[in-house]
Structures are given as structure tokens and as C-alpha cells.
């Protein structure tokens, strides 16, 4: 498999073989390491930009075909639990917040 470039790599990387939106320390919640990482919502915005770019480059049908056969890995949420320090919500409420954000993203 080819090396999958990070989205924020300087220059004009090729995304036809994949793209990595990962940000170490990011969580499903905006507040997790806010200002230090690329949050989940921003990563999804980046994906939409790549999708638009592929449609312009390949055409709508080819881009749709490419994206429909892609493998998507979302590994996010663990850092939310590692950084929970708020006593304003119960653990159950916190879990619901994390799962809610992941559900909205997907």
C-alpha cells in the first residue's frame, strides 16, 4: 500500500490513495485539548474538502465510486475520557456527550 499522506502536509499531496486526518490527542469533544489538536468537527470539514476536490479532479461519478469503495477508520474518543476533569456532569452524562458527538459525526 502507498504511504497515506497527512491532510495538513505542506505542498499538494495526492489523496486518491487515501488521506490521514488524525491529530494526536484529539477527542470526540471540542473541549478535549482545545487549541492544541485538530478537533473531530474540523477533521470532517477537511474530509468534505477532499471529497469536493476529488469530484472536481475525477468527476462526480468516479469520485463517488472511489469514495464508496474506501475504507474509513475513525479512532477517536479515548482522549476525552483521559482528560475528563469536570465535576459538572456525571460519568453517564459525559459518556452520552462523547457518543452523541461521534454519532453526529458519522
Protein backbone atom coordinates (compact mmCIF):
# COMPACT_ATOMS: atom_id res chain seq x y z
CA UNK A 1 0.00 0.00 0.00
CA UNK A 2 1.21 3.52 -0.65
CA UNK A 3 2.06 5.84 2.21
CA UNK A 4 -1.10 7.72 3.18
CA UNK A 5 -0.24 11.42 3.47
CA UNK A 6 -1.49 13.64 6.27
CA UNK A 7 -4.07 16.18 5.14
CA UNK A 8 -2.03 19.07 6.53
CA UNK A 9 1.20 18.04 4.73
CA UNK A 10 2.73 21.09 3.05
CA UNK A 11 2.58 21.15 -0.73
CA UNK A 12 0.00 19.42 -2.86
CA UNK A 13 -0.20 15.79 -1.68
CA UNK A 14 -2.06 13.16 -3.71
CA UNK A 15 -5.23 11.98 -1.96
CA UNK A 16 -6.53 9.39 -4.47
CA UNK A 17 -4.97 6.59 -2.42
CA UNK A 18 -6.10 7.95 0.92
CA UNK A 19 -5.64 10.73 3.39
CA UNK A 20 -4.94 10.88 7.11
CA UNK A 21 -6.83 13.46 9.17
CA UNK A 22 -5.51 12.20 12.53
CA UNK A 23 -4.45 14.60 15.23
CA UNK A 24 -2.68 13.13 18.25
CA UNK A 25 -4.58 13.93 21.41
CA UNK A 26 -7.84 14.83 19.68
CA UNK A 27 -11.15 13.68 21.04
CA UNK A 28 -14.77 13.50 20.02
CA UNK A 29 -15.48 16.58 22.12
CA UNK A 30 -14.35 20.03 21.01
CA UNK A 31 -13.06 20.74 24.53
CA UNK A 32 -10.54 17.86 24.51
CA UNK A 33 -7.12 19.52 24.23
CA UNK A 34 -8.82 22.50 22.58
CA UNK A 35 -6.42 24.71 20.68
CA UNK A 36 -3.71 22.04 20.64
CA UNK A 37 -5.25 19.49 18.27
CA UNK A 38 -7.43 19.31 15.17
CA UNK A 39 -10.87 18.51 16.59
CA UNK A 40 -13.25 15.95 15.08
CA UNK A 41 -15.51 18.57 13.52
CA UNK A 42 -12.58 20.18 11.72
CA UNK A 43 -11.37 16.77 10.52
CA UNK A 44 -14.81 16.19 9.00
CA UNK A 45 -14.64 19.59 7.28
CA UNK A 46 -11.28 18.55 5.83
CA UNK A 47 -12.84 15.31 4.54
CA UNK A 48 -15.56 17.32 2.79
CA UNK A 49 -12.88 19.46 1.14
CA UNK A 50 -11.09 16.34 -0.10
CA UNK A 51 -14.39 14.96 -1.41
CA UNK A 52 -15.06 18.21 -3.29
CA UNK A 53 -11.51 18.20 -4.67
CA UNK A 54 -11.86 14.59 -5.89
CA UNK A 55 -15.15 15.43 -7.60
CA UNK A 56 -13.51 18.32 -9.41
CA UNK A 57 -10.45 16.26 -10.33
CA UNK A 58 -12.10 12.95 -11.29
CA UNK A 59 -15.69 13.90 -11.99
CA UNK A 60 -18.69 13.15 -9.83
CA UNK A 61 -19.20 9.51 -10.88
CA UNK A 62 -15.54 8.45 -10.48
CA UNK A 63 -15.18 10.28 -7.17
CA UNK A 64 -18.37 8.68 -5.86
CA UNK A 65 -17.12 5.25 -6.94
CA UNK A 66 -13.73 5.82 -5.31
CA UNK A 67 -15.26 7.01 -2.04
CA UNK A 68 -17.83 4.21 -1.97
CA UNK A 69 -15.04 1.60 -2.06
CA UNK A 70 -12.84 3.33 0.50
CA UNK A 71 -12.08 2.05 3.97
CA UNK A 72 -12.77 4.56 6.73
CA UNK A 73 -11.15 4.27 10.15
CA UNK A 74 -12.26 6.54 12.96
CA UNK A 75 -10.19 6.09 16.07
CA UNK A 76 -11.23 8.89 18.37
CA UNK A 77 -12.82 9.30 21.77
CA UNK A 78 -10.29 7.76 24.13
CA UNK A 79 -8.61 11.08 24.86
CA UNK A 80 -11.94 12.50 26.01
CA UNK A 81 -12.01 10.03 28.88
CA UNK A 82 -8.35 10.57 29.73
CA UNK A 83 -8.87 14.31 30.08
CA UNK A 84 -12.25 14.35 31.86
CA UNK A 85 -11.79 16.51 34.91
CA UNK A 86 -15.15 18.19 35.11
CA UNK A 87 -17.41 17.52 38.06
CA UNK A 88 -20.22 19.42 36.32
CA UNK A 89 -21.57 16.28 34.67
CA UNK A 90 -21.92 12.69 35.79
CA UNK A 91 -19.92 9.94 34.13
CA UNK A 92 -23.08 8.76 32.38
CA UNK A 93 -23.76 12.24 31.01
CA UNK A 94 -20.16 12.52 29.85
CA UNK A 95 -20.34 9.19 28.00
CA UNK A 96 -23.58 10.36 26.37
CA UNK A 97 -21.84 13.55 25.22
CA UNK A 98 -18.94 11.63 23.65
CA UNK A 99 -21.22 9.10 21.95
CA UNK A 100 -23.52 11.89 20.80
CA UNK A 101 -20.66 13.74 19.11
CA UNK A 102 -19.45 10.54 17.43
CA UNK A 103 -22.98 9.76 16.24
CA UNK A 104 -23.36 13.23 14.74
CA UNK A 105 -20.00 12.92 13.00
CA UNK A 106 -20.77 9.55 11.45
